[in-house]
Amino acid sequence: MSNAEFPSSWTDPRYVAAIVSVIATGALYFYAALTQSGLTIEEITLVIFAILLPTSIAYEIAGRL
């Protein structure tokens, strides 16, 4: 794998978005571990937005730097 395939700079939007995605996913797993109920349709939608929204925002901010 060459360096061009894997971004490793804090200013690279793909790298920042990947880091934010991992953090958001970890936060959701932590939340799911604290609650004892199953997921409803509304909760699944919330989970998707909870991962995609911070990822998209981080990508856009990093792209403008």
C-alpha atoms as a PDB file:
ATOM      1  CA  MET A   1       0.000   0.000   0.000  1.00  0.00           C
ATOM      2  CA  SER A   2       1.501   3.317  -1.023  1.00  0.00           C
ATOM      3  CA  ASN A   3       1.304   6.506   1.011  1.00  0.00           C
ATOM      4  CA  ALA A   4      -0.994   8.034  -1.605  1.00  0.00           C
ATOM      5  CA  GLU A   5      -3.720   5.506  -0.787  1.00  0.00           C
ATOM      6  CA  PHE A   6      -3.781   6.130   2.976  1.00  0.00           C
ATOM      7  CA  PRO A   7      -4.031   9.761   4.109  1.00  0.00           C
ATOM      8  CA  SER A   8      -2.098  10.502   7.279  1.00  0.00           C
ATOM      9  CA  SER A   9      -2.213  14.275   7.588  1.00  0.00           C
ATOM     10  CA  TRP A  10      -4.489  16.093  10.013  1.00  0.00           C
ATOM     11  CA  THR A  11      -5.367  18.470   7.192  1.00  0.00           C
ATOM     12  CA  ASP A  12      -6.508  15.716   4.808  1.00  0.00           C
ATOM     13  CA  PRO A  13     -10.347  15.692   4.826  1.00  0.00           C
ATOM     14  CA  ARG A  14     -10.541  11.914   4.347  1.00  0.00           C
ATOM     15  CA  TYR A  15      -8.283  11.325   7.356  1.00  0.00           C
ATOM     16  CA  VAL A  16     -10.244  13.712   9.583  1.00  0.00           C
ATOM     17  CA  ALA A  17     -13.564  12.207   8.493  1.00  0.00           C
ATOM     18  CA  ALA A  18     -12.288   8.700   9.242  1.00  0.00           C
ATOM     19  CA  ILE A  19     -11.145   9.698  12.734  1.00  0.00           C
ATOM     20  CA  VAL A  20     -14.472  11.399  13.493  1.00  0.00           C
ATOM     21  CA  SER A  21     -16.354   8.337  12.201  1.00  0.00           C
ATOM     22  CA  VAL A  22     -14.434   6.037  14.534  1.00  0.00           C
ATOM     23  CA  ILE A  23     -15.052   8.326  17.513  1.00  0.00           C
ATOM     24  CA  ALA A  24     -18.776   8.700  16.693  1.00  0.00           C
ATOM     25  CA  THR A  25     -19.162   4.948  16.273  1.00  0.00           C
ATOM     26  CA  GLY A  26     -17.395   4.314  19.577  1.00  0.00           C
ATOM     27  CA  ALA A  27     -19.672   6.810  21.318  1.00  0.00           C
ATOM     28  CA  LEU A  28     -22.732   5.046  19.918  1.00  0.00           C
ATOM     29  CA  TYR A  29     -21.469   1.650  21.069  1.00  0.00           C
ATOM     30  CA  PHE A  30     -20.858   3.129  24.516  1.00  0.00           C
ATOM     31  CA  TYR A  31     -24.395   4.525  24.572  1.00  0.00           C
ATOM     32  CA  ALA A  32     -25.840   1.202  23.404  1.00  0.00           C
ATOM     33  CA  ALA A  33     -23.973  -0.590  26.185  1.00  0.00           C
ATOM     34  CA  LEU A  34     -25.555   1.724  28.760  1.00  0.00           C
ATOM     35  CA  THR A  35     -29.111   1.170  27.536  1.00  0.00           C
ATOM     36  CA  GLN A  36     -30.933  -2.142  27.723  1.00  0.00           C
ATOM     37  CA  SER A  37     -33.529  -1.669  24.982  1.00  0.00           C
ATOM     38  CA  GLY A  38     -33.513  -2.734  21.339  1.00  0.00           C
ATOM     39  CA  LEU A  39     -33.336  -0.309  18.444  1.00  0.00           C
ATOM     40  CA  THR A  40     -36.489   1.121  16.871  1.00  0.00           C
ATOM     41  CA  ILE A  41     -36.747   2.709  13.408  1.00  0.00           C
ATOM     42  CA  GLU A  42     -36.315   6.154  14.913  1.00  0.00           C
ATOM     43  CA  GLU A  43     -33.247   5.057  16.842  1.00  0.00           C
ATOM     44  CA  ILE A  44     -31.686   3.503  13.739  1.00  0.00           C
ATOM     45  CA  THR A  45     -32.197   6.807  11.911  1.00  0.00           C
ATOM     46  CA  LEU A  46     -30.620   8.643  14.835  1.00  0.00           C
ATOM     47  CA  VAL A  47     -27.641   6.268  14.780  1.00  0.00           C
ATOM     48  CA  ILE A  48     -27.084   6.858  11.073  1.00  0.00           C
ATOM     49  CA  PHE A  49     -27.246  10.634  11.511  1.00  0.00           C
ATOM     50  CA  ALA A  50     -25.074  10.483  14.626  1.00  0.00           C
ATOM     51  CA  ILE A  51     -22.299   8.953  12.527  1.00  0.00           C
ATOM     52  CA  LEU A  52     -22.792  10.703   9.186  1.00  0.00           C
ATOM     53  CA  LEU A  53     -23.426  14.232  10.443  1.00  0.00           C
ATOM     54  CA  PRO A  54     -20.186  14.699  12.436  1.00  0.00           C
ATOM     55  CA  THR A  55     -18.254  12.897   9.704  1.00  0.00           C
ATOM     56  CA  SER A  56     -19.609  15.200   7.000  1.00  0.00           C
ATOM     57  CA  ILE A  57     -19.011  18.316   9.067  1.00  0.00           C
ATOM     58  CA  ALA A  58     -15.435  17.274   9.857  1.00  0.00           C
ATOM     59  CA  TYR A  59     -14.779  16.508   6.188  1.00  0.00           C
ATOM     60  CA  GLU A  60     -16.040  19.916   5.106  1.00  0.00           C
ATOM     61  CA  ILE A  61     -14.090  21.789   7.776  1.00  0.00           C
ATOM     62  CA  ALA A  62     -10.874  19.908   6.981  1.00  0.00           C
ATOM     63  CA  GLY A  63     -11.407  20.536   3.270  1.00  0.00           C
ATOM     64  CA  ARG A  64     -11.525  24.289   3.835  1.00  0.00           C
ATOM     65  CA  LEU A  65      -8.308  24.484   5.875  1.00  0.00           C
END
